Amino acid sequence: MTKWLIILFCAFVSEWQYITTVLPFCDCNARFALIASGQDAAPFVYRVLTPGILMLFGNSLMALAVFHLVMLIAFLLLLWAWVEQWTQQGIAAVALATLALSLMYPTWSISEYTITEWVLWLSALHVLLYWRRLTVK
């Protein structure tokens, strides 16, 4: 239960910082519309997963904030599980990731879709570990 409370607390703190430091200065709706329609410049034009999902949800700042919060919770849970596998220091990793995000948000604002990539990478690492364990047995 403590793990969940810490992860949720860190996710909400990080999301609050995202909403206050990134969203007021981001023209995300127009950018995502350009990316989803294939009209933005490379390399952004190839990152269509998050803009496509947000276009389905209405392409509003509220949709972006909710999507970011859900992906942030997924990222922190996957990060905790991955670090816990190797060092049993998952909570410390979640706290450090929250601190790092707090420092990154002022300069990271154009990468709204990166949180999706982090979740996909950590999911892939978990799948590879699972497959490895199946083949060892």
C-alpha atoms as a PDB file:
ATOM      1  CA  MET A   1       0.000   0.000   0.000  1.00  0.00           C
ATOM      2  CA  THR A   2       2.866   2.353   0.798  1.00  0.00           C
ATOM      3  CA  LYS A   3       4.362   1.778  -2.646  1.00  0.00           C
ATOM      4  CA  TRP A   4       1.122   2.857  -4.319  1.00  0.00           C
ATOM      5  CA  LEU A   5       0.798   5.959  -2.167  1.00  0.00           C
ATOM      6  CA  ILE A   6       4.362   7.033  -2.899  1.00  0.00           C
ATOM      7  CA  ILE A   7       3.975   6.390  -6.634  1.00  0.00           C
ATOM      8  CA  LEU A   8       0.685   8.293  -6.777  1.00  0.00           C
ATOM      9  CA  PHE A   9       2.104  11.162  -4.731  1.00  0.00           C
ATOM     10  CA  CYS A  10       5.145  11.418  -7.001  1.00  0.00           C
ATOM     11  CA  ALA A  11       2.949  11.211 -10.106  1.00  0.00           C
ATOM     12  CA  PHE A  12       0.643  13.985  -8.898  1.00  0.00           C
ATOM     13  CA  VAL A  13       3.556  16.210  -7.854  1.00  0.00           C
ATOM     14  CA  SER A  14       5.209  15.696 -11.219  1.00  0.00           C
ATOM     15  CA  GLU A  15       1.945  16.247 -13.088  1.00  0.00           C
ATOM     16  CA  TRP A  16       1.296  19.484 -11.179  1.00  0.00           C
ATOM     17  CA  GLN A  17       4.729  20.715 -12.209  1.00  0.00           C
ATOM     18  CA  TYR A  18       4.044  19.655 -15.804  1.00  0.00           C
ATOM     19  CA  ILE A  19       0.752  21.557 -15.850  1.00  0.00           C
ATOM     20  CA  THR A  20       2.281  24.697 -14.334  1.00  0.00           C
ATOM     21  CA  THR A  21       5.597  24.806 -16.211  1.00  0.00           C
ATOM     22  CA  VAL A  22       4.947  23.191 -19.598  1.00  0.00           C
ATOM     23  CA  LEU A  23       1.317  23.525 -20.617  1.00  0.00           C
ATOM     24  CA  PRO A  24       0.990  27.336 -20.254  1.00  0.00           C
ATOM     25  CA  PHE A  25       3.784  27.851 -22.792  1.00  0.00           C
ATOM     26  CA  CYS A  26       3.043  24.956 -25.138  1.00  0.00           C
ATOM     27  CA  ASP A  27       1.164  25.190 -28.406  1.00  0.00           C
ATOM     28  CA  CYS A  28       0.575  21.459 -28.114  1.00  0.00           C
ATOM     29  CA  ASN A  29      -2.784  21.254 -29.865  1.00  0.00           C
ATOM     30  CA  ALA A  30      -1.499  22.765 -33.108  1.00  0.00           C
ATOM     31  CA  ARG A  31       1.719  20.759 -32.920  1.00  0.00           C
ATOM     32  CA  PHE A  32      -0.103  17.476 -32.364  1.00  0.00           C
ATOM     33  CA  ALA A  33      -2.531  18.241 -35.191  1.00  0.00           C
ATOM     34  CA  LEU A  34       0.430  18.828 -37.542  1.00  0.00           C
ATOM     35  CA  ILE A  35       2.142  15.626 -36.431  1.00  0.00           C
ATOM     36  CA  ALA A  36      -1.025  13.535 -36.653  1.00  0.00           C
ATOM     37  CA  SER A  37      -1.736  14.815 -40.162  1.00  0.00           C
ATOM     38  CA  GLY A  38       1.863  14.142 -41.272  1.00  0.00           C
ATOM     39  CA  GLN A  39       2.661  17.791 -41.985  1.00  0.00           C
ATOM     40  CA  ASP A  40       5.310  18.471 -39.327  1.00  0.00           C
ATOM     41  CA  ALA A  41       9.046  18.357 -40.026  1.00  0.00           C
ATOM     42  CA  ALA A  42      11.238  15.343 -39.367  1.00  0.00           C
ATOM     43  CA  PRO A  43      11.969  13.807 -36.874  1.00  0.00           C
ATOM     44  CA  PHE A  44       8.737  14.841 -35.156  1.00  0.00           C
ATOM     45  CA  VAL A  45       6.538  13.733 -38.028  1.00  0.00           C
ATOM     46  CA  TYR A  46       7.452  10.113 -37.265  1.00  0.00           C
ATOM     47  CA  ARG A  47       6.303  10.256 -33.635  1.00  0.00           C
ATOM     48  CA  VAL A  48       2.626   9.740 -34.355  1.00  0.00           C
ATOM     49  CA  LEU A  49       1.499   7.483 -31.496  1.00  0.00           C
ATOM     50  CA  THR A  50       0.873  10.108 -28.809  1.00  0.00           C
ATOM     51  CA  PRO A  51      -0.534  12.751 -31.194  1.00  0.00           C
ATOM     52  CA  GLY A  52      -2.797  10.119 -32.731  1.00  0.00           C
ATOM     53  CA  ILE A  53      -4.108   9.074 -29.312  1.00  0.00           C
ATOM     54  CA  LEU A  54      -4.652  12.691 -28.285  1.00  0.00           C
ATOM     55  CA  MET A  55      -6.480  13.432 -31.536  1.00  0.00           C
ATOM     56  CA  LEU A  56      -8.881  10.597 -30.636  1.00  0.00           C
ATOM     57  CA  PHE A  57      -9.475  12.194 -27.223  1.00  0.00           C
ATOM     58  CA  GLY A  58     -10.245  15.628 -28.643  1.00  0.00           C
ATOM     59  CA  ASN A  59      -6.783  17.221 -28.787  1.00  0.00           C
ATOM     60  CA  SER A  60      -7.361  19.535 -25.830  1.00  0.00           C
ATOM     61  CA  LEU A  61      -5.017  20.575 -23.042  1.00  0.00           C
ATOM     62  CA  MET A  62      -7.202  18.664 -20.577  1.00  0.00           C
ATOM     63  CA  ALA A  63      -6.837  15.506 -22.680  1.00  0.00           C
ATOM     64  CA  LEU A  64      -3.069  16.031 -22.778  1.00  0.00           C
ATOM     65  CA  ALA A  65      -2.890  16.544 -19.004  1.00  0.00           C
ATOM     66  CA  VAL A  66      -4.975  13.431 -18.253  1.00  0.00           C
ATOM     67  CA  PHE A  67      -3.053  11.350 -20.795  1.00  0.00           C
ATOM     68  CA  HIS A  68       0.240  12.560 -19.338  1.00  0.00           C
ATOM     69  CA  LEU A  69      -0.880  11.699 -15.797  1.00  0.00           C
ATOM     70  CA  VAL A  70      -1.935   8.175 -16.790  1.00  0.00           C
ATOM     71  CA  MET A  71       1.329   7.600 -18.658  1.00  0.00           C
ATOM     72  CA  LEU A  72       3.305   9.076 -15.770  1.00  0.00           C
ATOM     73  CA  ILE A  73       1.694   6.650 -13.316  1.00  0.00           C
ATOM     74  CA  ALA A  74       2.419   3.770 -15.718  1.00  0.00           C
ATOM     75  CA  PHE A  75       6.025   4.953 -16.106  1.00  0.00           C
ATOM     76  CA  LEU A  76       6.597   5.212 -12.352  1.00  0.00           C
ATOM     77  CA  LEU A  77       5.053   1.775 -11.740  1.00  0.00           C
ATOM     78  CA  LEU A  78       7.168   0.176 -14.461  1.00  0.00           C
ATOM     79  CA  LEU A  79      10.278   1.981 -13.230  1.00  0.00           C
ATOM     80  CA  TRP A  80       9.632   0.811  -9.680  1.00  0.00           C
ATOM     81  CA  ALA A  81       9.150  -2.789 -10.848  1.00  0.00           C
ATOM     82  CA  TRP A  82      12.266  -2.729 -13.043  1.00  0.00           C
ATOM     83  CA  VAL A  83      14.558  -1.296 -10.372  1.00  0.00           C
ATOM     84  CA  GLU A  84      13.013  -3.554  -7.740  1.00  0.00           C
ATOM     85  CA  GLN A  85      14.022  -6.576  -9.865  1.00  0.00           C
ATOM     86  CA  TRP A  86      17.684  -5.671  -9.657  1.00  0.00           C
ATOM     87  CA  THR A  87      18.335  -3.599  -6.532  1.00  0.00           C
ATOM     88  CA  GLN A  88      15.200  -3.543  -4.336  1.00  0.00           C
ATOM     89  CA  GLN A  89      15.426   0.268  -4.389  1.00  0.00           C
ATOM     90  CA  GLY A  90      12.290   0.970  -6.448  1.00  0.00           C
ATOM     91  CA  ILE A  91      10.982   3.742  -4.221  1.00  0.00           C
ATOM     92  CA  ALA A  92      14.307   5.574  -4.382  1.00  0.00           C
ATOM     93  CA  ALA A  93      14.228   5.307  -8.192  1.00  0.00           C
ATOM     94  CA  VAL A  94      10.692   6.723  -8.299  1.00  0.00           C
ATOM     95  CA  ALA A  95      11.695   9.608  -6.040  1.00  0.00           C
ATOM     96  CA  LEU A  96      14.801  10.344  -8.119  1.00  0.00           C
ATOM     97  CA  ALA A  97      12.805  10.181 -11.356  1.00  0.00           C
ATOM     98  CA  THR A  98      10.302  12.658  -9.919  1.00  0.00           C
ATOM     99  CA  LEU A  99      13.127  14.977  -8.933  1.00  0.00           C
ATOM    100  CA  ALA A 100      14.724  14.637 -12.378  1.00  0.00           C
ATOM    101  CA  LEU A 101      11.418  15.391 -14.082  1.00  0.00           C
ATOM    102  CA  SER A 102      11.023  18.500 -11.933  1.00  0.00           C
ATOM    103  CA  LEU A 103      14.383  19.746 -13.132  1.00  0.00           C
ATOM    104  CA  MET A 104      13.750  18.753 -16.759  1.00  0.00           C
ATOM    105  CA  TYR A 105      10.288  20.245 -17.294  1.00  0.00           C
ATOM    106  CA  PRO A 106      11.425  23.837 -17.971  1.00  0.00           C
ATOM    107  CA  THR A 107      13.617  22.705 -20.895  1.00  0.00           C
ATOM    108  CA  TRP A 108      11.829  19.486 -21.912  1.00  0.00           C
ATOM    109  CA  SER A 109       8.524  21.051 -22.840  1.00  0.00           C
ATOM    110  CA  ILE A 110       8.563  20.227 -26.550  1.00  0.00           C
ATOM    111  CA  SER A 111       8.833  16.482 -25.866  1.00  0.00           C
ATOM    112  CA  GLU A 112       5.296  15.807 -24.693  1.00  0.00           C
ATOM    113  CA  TYR A 113       5.300  12.448 -26.451  1.00  0.00           C
ATOM    114  CA  THR A 114       8.477  11.176 -24.745  1.00  0.00           C
ATOM    115  CA  ILE A 115       6.557   9.828 -21.739  1.00  0.00           C
ATOM    116  CA  THR A 116       4.872   7.332 -24.082  1.00  0.00           C
ATOM    117  CA  GLU A 117       8.247   6.200 -25.357  1.00  0.00           C
ATOM    118  CA  TRP A 118       9.505   5.683 -21.797  1.00  0.00           C
ATOM    119  CA  VAL A 119       6.507   3.495 -20.984  1.00  0.00           C
ATOM    120  CA  LEU A 120       7.046   1.469 -24.151  1.00  0.00           C
ATOM    121  CA  TRP A 121      10.776   1.001 -23.427  1.00  0.00           C
ATOM    122  CA  LEU A 122      10.184  -0.117 -19.849  1.00  0.00           C
ATOM    123  CA  SER A 123       7.385  -2.434 -20.987  1.00  0.00           C
ATOM    124  CA  ALA A 124       9.735  -3.971 -23.551  1.00  0.00           C
ATOM    125  CA  LEU A 125      12.407  -4.485 -20.891  1.00  0.00           C
ATOM    126  CA  HIS A 126       9.872  -6.275 -18.686  1.00  0.00           C
ATOM    127  CA  VAL A 127       8.773  -8.483 -21.592  1.00  0.00           C
ATOM    128  CA  LEU A 128      12.398  -9.350 -22.412  1.00  0.00           C
ATOM    129  CA  LEU A 129      13.041 -10.268 -18.785  1.00  0.00           C
ATOM    130  CA  TYR A 130       9.904 -12.412 -18.753  1.00  0.00           C
ATOM    131  CA  TRP A 131      10.949 -14.200 -21.965  1.00  0.00           C
ATOM    132  CA  ARG A 132      14.419 -14.747 -20.544  1.00  0.00           C
ATOM    133  CA  ARG A 133      12.969 -16.360 -17.446  1.00  0.00           C
ATOM    134  CA  LEU A 134      10.781 -18.619 -19.599  1.00  0.00           C
ATOM    135  CA  THR A 135      13.736 -19.824 -21.655  1.00  0.00           C
ATOM    136  CA  VAL A 136      15.942 -20.433 -18.607  1.00  0.00           C
ATOM    137  CA  LYS A 137      13.364 -22.783 -17.063  1.00  0.00           C
END
